[in-house]
Amino acid sequence: MPRALEGVNFGVYGIEHQKPSACTYYRTKVPFRSFYDLGLANYIIGEREDVTEEKHLAMLSADIVQLFSLGGSGTAATIESIKQMRPGWNNDHTERIYPPTLIFDVDDNIDFVHPFNEAFVRLGTRDYAGRIMKKGDVLTTTFEKDGTIIPLWEDQKTIRNNEMFDIERNLKSNAELHRIARRCDGVTVPSPALARYYREELKCSNVYIYPNSIIPQDYPQPRLQPHEGVRILWQGGGSHMIDWFPLRDAVRAVALKYPQAKFVIWGTAFKWIHDNIPEDQFEFIDWLPYDAYKTMRTIVDCDINLCPLASNIFNQCKSGIKWYESTMPEKPEATLAANVAPYSDEIVDGETGLLYNNPQEFAEKLGALIEDVSLRKSLAAEAYRWVRDNRHYKVTGPGLLDFYKETRAAKHAALEA
């Protein structure tokens, strides 16, 4: 908990999930630190399971309480309790006291989790075409080699990570999260697509786009020795299988054409694509605790950053954080990304990165990056300038704080009406 800023009487309170994660870092810690470092607001971040009287008092004393993707009956009950509070006065009747203003923050469109995403077991509610599933439904997949059809998700039968896939439960929990968002005084999201969804589909009227932002000093800058060849990075989890799958032949073609290229895969290794890469051109980095992530991100020492992405509603609601992070190492990386939102919303093809539309173009543009050092350096330098000017935490933070203050002022007016 940071030392309180003298003379600053605006405070925000956030809740951290059970363990450090990229989500909590980007959606809660980064904006709150921007307020503090700019001298605009104090903040406290409490742990979700920490229900001490001191933390409750801190939450109820805050001007803003941010709820990052918090669902469940306990959260709903807390919100209703706060919504029932009325303004009061301090002990000597000289200052009006108001209950905290509630902001719901979310960084994914949980209604459109793809069936190839492991999170489908607890979030999945729609089939491949985006239609809402019904009790007893089964989703199948087909083995490409022999055409065998197997069940991928079977309602109340499929078990993944010790959880059972239950369509009715998932629909109910998602709907509860929607109700929580509507009951809060405002909603914050990282992308225009997700903002539109919450405004138009979920009927949340007060929605603000706060983009995921970068704190450069959180990324160590070790002096690395020059490496041989061209190192190409992809990082991500199992949810990206649908993004990678169409590129399996293109990746093999690039690897065989350019023996100096090394593919550095960080997170999840998809056997059916990575087995296509010659062994001496493949490097795997396993998952590690998020506390160590930003250090590893700067020492992995790559030249090219890959951002493959399928065009679907879930992906369109994401942020371009993998592109932003590619500019943080001492030697920024050039990014090759799919020509779909969110990357197509921000990357200017040929200026701040390269965008591809199909596997053939992916192979062609990746080959151009491998061959042309000056192109890589130019794209990386322009990307760095764009991220610094548009996604630096001290650039994006004031707008979010203005939204908080405007939302709080509107709530005060409504309570006094």
Protein backbone atom coordinates (compact mmCIF):
# COMPACT_ATOMS: atom_id res chain seq x y z
CA MET A 1 0.00 0.00 0.00
CA PRO A 2 1.63 3.30 -1.06
CA ARG A 3 2.13 6.21 1.32
CA ALA A 4 -0.79 8.64 1.17
CA LEU A 5 -0.30 11.77 -0.93
CA GLU A 6 -0.60 14.89 1.17
CA GLY A 7 -3.32 17.31 0.11
CA VAL A 8 -5.00 14.75 -2.18
CA ASN A 9 -8.50 13.82 -1.02
CA PHE A 10 -9.62 11.50 -3.83
CA GLY A 11 -9.19 7.78 -3.26
CA VAL A 12 -9.76 4.64 -5.32
CA TYR A 13 -10.06 1.06 -4.11
CA GLY A 14 -9.48 -2.08 -6.16
CA ILE A 15 -9.62 -5.80 -5.49
CA GLU A 16 -6.86 -8.18 -6.55
CA HIS A 17 -7.72 -11.73 -7.48
CA GLN A 18 -6.14 -14.63 -5.61
CA LYS A 19 -2.76 -14.47 -7.37
CA PRO A 20 -0.93 -11.86 -9.46
CA SER A 21 -1.99 -11.87 -13.10
CA ALA A 22 -1.72 -9.79 -16.26
CA CYS A 23 -5.41 -8.94 -15.96
CA THR A 24 -5.14 -7.43 -12.48
CA TYR A 25 -1.89 -5.71 -13.39
CA TYR A 26 -3.18 -3.97 -16.51
CA ARG A 27 -6.75 -3.27 -15.42
CA THR A 28 -6.17 -2.23 -11.79
CA LYS A 29 -2.53 -1.70 -10.83
CA VAL A 30 -1.45 0.28 -13.91
CA PRO A 31 -4.25 2.89 -13.84
CA PHE A 32 -4.11 3.27 -10.06
CA ARG A 33 -0.36 3.82 -10.18
CA SER A 34 -0.84 6.46 -12.86
CA PHE A 35 -3.18 8.40 -10.55
CA TYR A 36 -0.68 8.13 -7.71
CA ASP A 37 2.46 8.91 -9.69
CA LEU A 38 0.79 11.97 -11.22
CA GLY A 39 -0.25 13.15 -7.74
CA LEU A 40 -3.95 12.92 -8.58
CA ALA A 41 -5.35 10.23 -6.26
CA ASN A 42 -4.49 7.76 -3.52
CA TYR A 43 -5.24 4.07 -3.90
CA ILE A 44 -5.52 0.79 -2.05
CA ILE A 45 -5.68 -2.67 -3.64
CA GLY A 46 -7.09 -5.35 -1.38
CA GLU A 47 -7.03 -9.10 -1.92
CA ARG A 48 -10.32 -10.72 -2.82
CA GLU A 49 -10.17 -13.12 0.11
CA ASP A 50 -9.06 -10.42 2.55
CA VAL A 51 -12.25 -9.44 4.39
CA THR A 52 -10.74 -7.68 7.38
CA GLU A 53 -12.56 -4.80 9.01
CA GLU A 54 -9.74 -2.47 7.98
CA LYS A 55 -10.15 -3.36 4.30
CA HIS A 56 -13.93 -3.02 4.51
CA LEU A 57 -13.52 0.43 6.02
CA ALA A 58 -11.04 1.40 3.31
CA MET A 59 -13.45 0.26 0.60
CA LEU A 60 -16.43 2.11 2.07
CA SER A 61 -14.33 5.25 2.55
CA ALA A 62 -13.10 5.32 -1.05
CA ASP A 63 -14.52 7.62 -3.69
CA ILE A 64 -14.30 4.86 -6.31
CA VAL A 65 -14.50 1.10 -5.87
CA GLN A 66 -13.35 -0.75 -8.96
CA LEU A 67 -14.67 -4.29 -9.43
CA PHE A 68 -12.58 -6.12 -12.00
CA SER A 69 -14.69 -8.95 -13.47
CA LEU A 70 -16.04 -9.85 -10.05
CA GLY A 71 -19.17 -11.95 -10.11
CA GLY A 72 -20.95 -14.19 -7.63
CA SER A 73 -23.58 -13.71 -4.99
CA GLY A 74 -21.16 -12.08 -2.55
CA THR A 75 -20.25 -9.34 -5.00
CA ALA A 76 -23.90 -8.81 -5.91
CA ALA A 77 -24.84 -8.50 -2.23
CA THR A 78 -22.02 -6.00 -1.59
CA ILE A 79 -23.17 -3.88 -4.52
CA GLU A 80 -26.78 -3.88 -3.34
CA SER A 81 -25.71 -2.88 0.17
CA ILE A 82 -23.71 0.06 -1.17
CA LYS A 83 -26.54 1.05 -3.52
CA GLN A 84 -28.86 1.32 -0.51
CA MET A 85 -26.58 3.75 1.32
CA ARG A 86 -27.63 7.38 1.53
CA PRO A 87 -25.49 10.52 1.98
CA GLY A 88 -24.65 11.63 5.50
CA TRP A 89 -22.50 14.12 7.41
CA ASN A 90 -19.24 13.87 9.27
CA ASN A 91 -19.22 14.10 13.07
CA ASP A 92 -19.15 17.90 13.28
CA HIS A 93 -21.63 18.27 10.42
CA THR A 94 -19.18 20.22 8.22
CA GLU A 95 -18.67 17.74 5.37
CA ARG A 96 -21.14 15.78 3.28
CA ILE A 97 -20.26 12.06 3.12
CA TYR A 98 -21.28 9.89 0.16
CA PRO A 99 -21.13 6.14 -0.43
CA PRO A 100 -18.49 4.93 -2.89
CA THR A 101 -19.11 5.02 -6.63
CA LEU A 102 -18.96 1.56 -8.19
CA ILE A 103 -17.06 0.90 -11.42
CA PHE A 104 -17.22 -2.50 -13.11
CA ASP A 105 -14.15 -3.30 -15.21
CA VAL A 106 -13.90 -6.13 -17.73
CA ASP A 107 -11.27 -7.01 -20.33
CA ASP A 108 -12.88 -9.88 -22.29
CA ASN A 109 -16.22 -10.67 -23.91
CA ILE A 110 -17.04 -13.74 -21.85
CA ASP A 111 -20.25 -14.35 -23.83
CA PHE A 112 -18.26 -15.40 -26.90
CA VAL A 113 -15.49 -17.62 -25.54
CA HIS A 114 -14.57 -19.97 -28.38
CA PRO A 115 -15.07 -23.73 -27.89
CA PHE A 116 -11.33 -24.26 -28.45
CA ASN A 117 -10.61 -22.15 -25.37
CA GLU A 118 -10.10 -24.19 -22.18
CA ALA A 119 -12.09 -21.53 -20.27
CA PHE A 120 -15.15 -22.76 -22.19
CA VAL A 121 -15.73 -25.29 -19.39
CA ARG A 122 -16.83 -22.50 -17.02
CA LEU A 123 -17.72 -19.69 -19.45
CA GLY A 124 -18.91 -21.36 -22.65
CA THR A 125 -22.49 -20.75 -23.70
CA ARG A 126 -22.38 -20.54 -27.53
CA ASP A 127 -21.58 -22.95 -30.34
CA TYR A 128 -19.15 -22.37 -33.21
CA ALA A 129 -21.66 -20.13 -35.01
CA GLY A 130 -22.28 -18.01 -31.91
CA ARG A 131 -25.72 -19.47 -31.16
CA ILE A 132 -26.68 -19.90 -27.50
CA MET A 133 -26.56 -23.55 -26.50
CA LYS A 134 -29.28 -25.45 -24.64
CA LYS A 135 -29.26 -28.03 -21.89
CA GLY A 136 -27.97 -31.37 -23.17
CA ASP A 137 -26.20 -29.93 -26.23
CA VAL A 138 -22.98 -31.46 -27.55
CA LEU A 139 -20.23 -29.73 -29.55
CA THR A 140 -18.06 -31.98 -31.69
CA THR A 141 -14.75 -31.58 -33.51
CA THR A 142 -13.21 -33.54 -36.39
CA PHE A 143 -9.73 -35.02 -36.61
CA GLU A 144 -8.20 -33.63 -39.79
CA LYS A 145 -6.22 -36.77 -40.66
CA ASP A 146 -8.98 -39.39 -40.67
CA GLY A 147 -12.21 -37.41 -40.35
CA THR A 148 -13.14 -38.97 -37.00
CA ILE A 149 -15.81 -36.94 -35.20
CA ILE A 150 -15.48 -36.73 -31.42
CA PRO A 151 -17.38 -34.78 -28.74
CA LEU A 152 -15.49 -31.70 -27.63
CA TRP A 153 -17.99 -30.40 -25.09
CA GLU A 154 -20.93 -32.42 -23.78
CA ASP A 155 -23.27 -30.73 -21.34
CA GLN A 156 -22.90 -32.03 -17.78
CA LYS A 157 -20.48 -34.75 -18.89
CA THR A 158 -17.23 -33.19 -20.13
CA ILE A 159 -14.76 -32.48 -17.32
CA ARG A 160 -11.70 -30.24 -17.74
CA ASN A 161 -9.38 -29.11 -14.96
CA ASN A 162 -11.66 -30.75 -12.39
CA GLU A 163 -14.67 -28.71 -13.57
CA MET A 164 -17.76 -30.03 -15.32
CA PHE A 165 -19.12 -28.27 -18.40
CA ASP A 166 -22.63 -27.09 -17.48
CA ILE A 167 -24.47 -24.87 -19.97
CA GLU A 168 -27.22 -23.71 -17.60
CA ARG A 169 -24.69 -22.85 -14.88
CA ASN A 170 -22.56 -20.89 -17.35
CA LEU A 171 -25.56 -18.98 -18.71
CA LYS A 172 -26.63 -18.15 -15.18
CA SER A 173 -23.18 -16.97 -14.04
CA ASN A 174 -22.68 -14.87 -17.18
CA ALA A 175 -26.11 -13.30 -16.75
CA GLU A 176 -25.27 -12.50 -13.12
CA LEU A 177 -22.09 -10.76 -14.25
CA HIS A 178 -24.16 -8.70 -16.70
CA ARG A 179 -26.54 -7.67 -13.90
CA ILE A 180 -23.61 -6.65 -11.73
CA ALA A 181 -22.23 -4.50 -14.57
CA ARG A 182 -25.61 -2.78 -15.00
CA ARG A 183 -25.99 -2.17 -11.27
CA CYS A 184 -22.62 -0.43 -11.07
CA ASP A 185 -22.40 3.30 -11.73
CA GLY A 186 -20.04 2.88 -14.67
CA VAL A 187 -18.20 0.31 -16.77
CA THR A 188 -14.64 0.43 -18.11
CA VAL A 189 -13.29 -1.73 -20.95
CA PRO A 190 -10.06 -1.85 -23.02
CA SER A 191 -11.44 -1.75 -26.58
CA PRO A 192 -14.08 -0.03 -28.75
CA ALA A 193 -15.62 -3.39 -29.70
CA LEU A 194 -16.17 -4.37 -26.08
CA ALA A 195 -17.54 -0.91 -25.30
CA ARG A 196 -20.11 -1.28 -28.08
CA TYR A 197 -21.14 -4.69 -26.75
CA TYR A 198 -21.70 -3.43 -23.23
CA ARG A 199 -23.61 -0.39 -24.45
CA GLU A 200 -25.75 -2.00 -27.14
CA GLU A 201 -26.22 -5.60 -26.03
CA LEU A 202 -25.96 -5.37 -22.25
CA LYS A 203 -27.58 -1.90 -21.98
CA CYS A 204 -24.88 -0.32 -19.84
CA SER A 205 -25.22 3.40 -20.51
CA ASN A 206 -22.06 4.75 -18.86
CA VAL A 207 -19.11 2.99 -20.53
CA TYR A 208 -15.54 4.30 -20.86
CA ILE A 209 -12.69 2.87 -22.95
CA TYR A 210 -9.53 2.70 -20.87
CA PRO A 211 -6.88 1.00 -23.03
CA ASN A 212 -4.37 -1.36 -21.48
CA SER A 213 -1.30 0.77 -20.85
CA ILE A 214 2.43 0.42 -20.29
CA ILE A 215 4.64 1.38 -17.34
CA PRO A 216 8.09 1.31 -19.01
CA GLN A 217 10.05 1.27 -15.74
CA ASP A 218 8.47 -2.09 -14.84
CA TYR A 219 10.50 -3.72 -17.61
CA PRO A 220 14.16 -4.27 -16.68
CA GLN A 221 16.70 -3.33 -19.35
CA PRO A 222 19.67 -5.75 -19.06
CA ARG A 223 22.54 -5.40 -21.51
CA LEU A 224 22.31 -8.52 -23.65
CA GLN A 225 25.02 -9.97 -25.83
CA PRO A 226 24.22 -10.03 -29.58
CA HIS A 227 22.55 -13.25 -30.67
CA GLU A 228 22.94 -15.22 -33.87
CA GLY A 229 20.20 -15.50 -36.48
CA VAL A 230 16.71 -14.03 -36.27
CA ARG A 231 14.60 -14.82 -33.21
CA ILE A 232 10.80 -14.87 -33.72
CA LEU A 233 8.55 -14.76 -30.64
CA TRP A 234 5.04 -16.00 -30.05
CA GLN A 235 3.57 -16.12 -26.57
CA GLY A 236 0.16 -17.23 -25.38
CA GLY A 237 -2.04 -19.97 -23.98
CA GLY A 238 -4.34 -22.69 -25.20
CA SER A 239 -7.06 -20.24 -26.16
CA HIS A 240 -4.96 -19.27 -29.20
CA MET A 241 -5.22 -22.64 -30.93
CA ILE A 242 -7.78 -21.28 -33.41
CA ASP A 243 -5.42 -18.37 -34.19
CA TRP A 244 -2.39 -20.58 -34.88
CA PHE A 245 -3.98 -23.52 -36.68
CA PRO A 246 -4.39 -21.90 -40.15
CA LEU A 247 -0.68 -20.94 -40.13
CA ARG A 248 0.83 -24.40 -39.55
CA ASP A 249 1.94 -24.91 -43.17
CA ALA A 250 3.12 -21.30 -43.54
CA VAL A 251 5.28 -21.59 -40.42
CA ARG A 252 6.91 -24.76 -41.75
CA ALA A 253 7.57 -23.13 -45.13
CA VAL A 254 9.23 -20.13 -43.46
CA ALA A 255 11.33 -22.32 -41.17
CA LEU A 256 12.61 -24.41 -44.08
CA LYS A 257 13.33 -21.38 -46.28
CA TYR A 258 15.18 -19.48 -43.55
CA PRO A 259 17.42 -21.79 -41.49
CA GLN A 260 18.72 -18.72 -39.60
CA ALA A 261 15.24 -18.18 -38.11
CA LYS A 262 14.47 -19.53 -34.64
CA PHE A 263 10.86 -19.70 -33.39
CA VAL A 264 10.67 -18.93 -29.68
CA ILE A 265 7.38 -20.28 -28.32
CA TRP A 266 6.42 -19.11 -24.84
CA GLY A 267 3.46 -20.58 -22.98
CA THR A 268 1.64 -23.33 -24.87
CA ALA A 269 3.27 -25.55 -27.49
CA PHE A 270 0.76 -26.83 -30.04
CA LYS A 271 2.22 -30.12 -31.20
CA TRP A 272 0.53 -30.06 -34.61
CA ILE A 273 2.21 -26.77 -35.54
CA HIS A 274 5.46 -26.78 -33.63
CA ASP A 275 6.42 -30.28 -34.74
CA ASN A 276 6.59 -28.75 -38.22
CA ILE A 277 9.56 -26.64 -37.15
CA PRO A 278 13.05 -28.25 -37.32
CA GLU A 279 14.29 -29.02 -33.82
CA ASP A 280 17.28 -26.69 -34.03
CA GLN A 281 14.97 -23.81 -35.00
CA PHE A 282 12.58 -24.27 -32.07
CA GLU A 283 12.92 -22.91 -28.53
CA PHE A 284 10.26 -23.39 -25.85
CA ILE A 285 9.74 -21.29 -22.73
CA ASP A 286 7.29 -22.70 -20.20
CA TRP A 287 4.82 -20.71 -18.11
CA LEU A 288 6.21 -18.83 -15.14
CA PRO A 289 4.66 -16.76 -12.32
CA TYR A 290 3.44 -13.37 -13.50
CA ASP A 291 5.77 -11.62 -11.06
CA ALA A 292 8.64 -12.82 -13.26
CA TYR A 293 6.95 -12.17 -16.60
CA LYS A 294 8.18 -8.65 -17.40
CA THR A 295 11.78 -9.57 -16.62
CA MET A 296 11.58 -12.56 -18.95
CA ARG A 297 9.87 -10.43 -21.59
CA THR A 298 12.97 -8.24 -21.86
CA ILE A 299 15.60 -11.00 -21.73
CA VAL A 300 13.93 -13.38 -24.20
CA ASP A 301 15.74 -11.22 -26.77
CA CYS A 302 13.79 -11.53 -30.00
CA ASP A 303 13.71 -9.58 -33.26
CA ILE A 304 10.15 -10.27 -34.46
CA ASN A 305 6.91 -10.46 -32.48
CA LEU A 306 4.03 -12.54 -33.87
CA CYS A 307 0.39 -11.72 -33.10
CA PRO A 308 -1.79 -14.24 -34.98
CA LEU A 309 -5.49 -13.78 -34.32
CA ALA A 310 -8.66 -15.24 -35.80
CA SER A 311 -11.46 -12.85 -36.69
CA ASN A 312 -14.25 -13.48 -34.19
CA ILE A 313 -16.23 -11.48 -31.63
CA PHE A 314 -14.16 -12.66 -28.67
CA ASN A 315 -10.85 -11.64 -30.26
CA GLN A 316 -12.17 -8.32 -31.57
CA CYS A 317 -12.87 -7.28 -27.97
CA LYS A 318 -9.27 -7.84 -26.87
CA SER A 319 -6.55 -5.19 -26.60
CA GLY A 320 -3.28 -4.88 -28.51
CA ILE A 321 -1.20 -5.48 -25.40
CA LYS A 322 1.15 -7.99 -27.07
CA TRP A 323 2.05 -5.33 -29.60
CA TYR A 324 2.58 -2.71 -26.87
CA GLU A 325 4.82 -5.06 -24.90
CA SER A 326 6.96 -5.76 -27.98
CA THR A 327 8.26 -2.19 -27.70
CA MET A 328 9.45 -2.55 -24.10
CA PRO A 329 12.78 -4.44 -24.51
CA GLU A 330 15.96 -2.38 -24.93
CA LYS A 331 15.80 -3.34 -28.61
CA PRO A 332 12.10 -3.17 -29.57
CA GLU A 333 10.74 -5.90 -31.82
CA ALA A 334 8.94 -5.56 -35.15
CA THR A 335 5.41 -6.99 -35.02
CA LEU A 336 3.58 -9.07 -37.61
CA ALA A 337 -0.11 -9.25 -36.67
CA ALA A 338 -3.37 -10.45 -38.15
CA ASN A 339 -5.29 -7.74 -40.00
CA VAL A 340 -8.20 -7.90 -37.56
CA ALA A 341 -9.25 -5.88 -34.53
CA PRO A 342 -7.72 -4.94 -32.18
CA TYR A 343 -4.46 -4.86 -34.16
CA SER A 344 -5.98 -3.40 -37.33
CA ASP A 345 -7.49 -0.59 -35.21
CA GLU A 346 -4.04 0.62 -34.14
CA ILE A 347 -1.19 -0.75 -36.26
CA VAL A 348 -0.54 1.13 -39.49
CA ASP A 349 0.63 -1.51 -41.96
CA GLY A 350 4.13 -0.75 -43.15
CA GLU A 351 4.67 2.02 -40.60
CA THR A 352 4.25 0.71 -37.06
CA GLY A 353 4.03 -2.98 -37.92
CA LEU A 354 2.95 -5.40 -40.62
CA LEU A 355 -0.55 -6.85 -41.01
CA TYR A 356 -1.41 -10.09 -42.84
CA ASN A 357 -4.74 -11.30 -44.26
CA ASN A 358 -4.06 -14.98 -44.98
CA PRO A 359 -1.38 -17.67 -44.45
CA GLN A 360 0.36 -16.85 -47.75
CA GLU A 361 0.69 -13.18 -46.81
CA PHE A 362 1.83 -14.21 -43.33
CA ALA A 363 4.69 -16.22 -44.86
CA GLU A 364 5.60 -13.45 -47.30
CA LYS A 365 5.69 -10.68 -44.70
CA LEU A 366 7.48 -12.80 -42.12
CA GLY A 367 10.08 -13.59 -44.78
CA ALA A 368 10.49 -9.87 -45.51
CA LEU A 369 11.10 -9.19 -41.82
CA ILE A 370 13.65 -11.99 -41.58
CA GLU A 371 15.53 -10.68 -44.60
CA ASP A 372 15.43 -6.94 -43.93
CA VAL A 373 17.08 -5.72 -40.73
CA SER A 374 16.39 -2.05 -41.54
CA LEU A 375 12.68 -2.79 -42.01
CA ARG A 376 12.53 -4.50 -38.61
CA LYS A 377 14.27 -1.59 -36.90
CA SER A 378 12.10 1.05 -38.59
CA LEU A 379 8.83 -0.68 -37.72
CA ALA A 380 9.95 -1.29 -34.13
CA ALA A 381 11.06 2.33 -33.65
CA GLU A 382 7.77 3.73 -34.98
CA ALA A 383 5.79 1.28 -32.84
CA TYR A 384 7.73 2.39 -29.78
CA ARG A 385 6.94 6.04 -30.51
CA TRP A 386 3.23 5.28 -30.96
CA VAL A 387 2.99 3.27 -27.75
CA ARG A 388 4.93 5.90 -25.80
CA ASP A 389 2.65 8.69 -27.07
CA ASN A 390 -0.66 6.81 -26.80
CA ARG A 391 -0.38 3.96 -24.29
CA HIS A 392 2.01 5.29 -21.63
CA TYR A 393 0.28 5.01 -18.26
CA LYS A 394 0.72 8.71 -17.54
CA VAL A 395 -0.98 9.54 -20.85
CA THR A 396 -4.04 7.32 -20.40
CA GLY A 397 -4.53 7.67 -16.64
CA PRO A 398 -5.91 11.24 -16.44
CA GLY A 399 -8.79 10.47 -18.83
CA LEU A 400 -9.85 7.50 -16.71
CA LEU A 401 -9.70 9.59 -13.54
CA ASP A 402 -11.87 12.24 -15.22
CA PHE A 403 -14.40 9.51 -16.02
CA TYR A 404 -14.34 8.39 -12.39
CA LYS A 405 -14.90 11.94 -11.15
CA GLU A 406 -17.68 12.67 -13.64
CA THR A 407 -19.42 9.43 -12.73
CA ARG A 408 -19.10 10.21 -9.03
CA ALA A 409 -20.44 13.74 -9.50
CA ALA A 410 -23.46 12.37 -11.37
CA LYS A 411 -24.10 9.88 -8.57
CA HIS A 412 -23.89 12.64 -5.95
CA ALA A 413 -26.42 14.70 -7.89
CA ALA A 414 -28.76 11.72 -8.19
CA LEU A 415 -28.53 10.97 -4.47
CA GLU A 416 -29.37 14.58 -3.60
CA ALA A 417 -32.27 14.79 -6.05
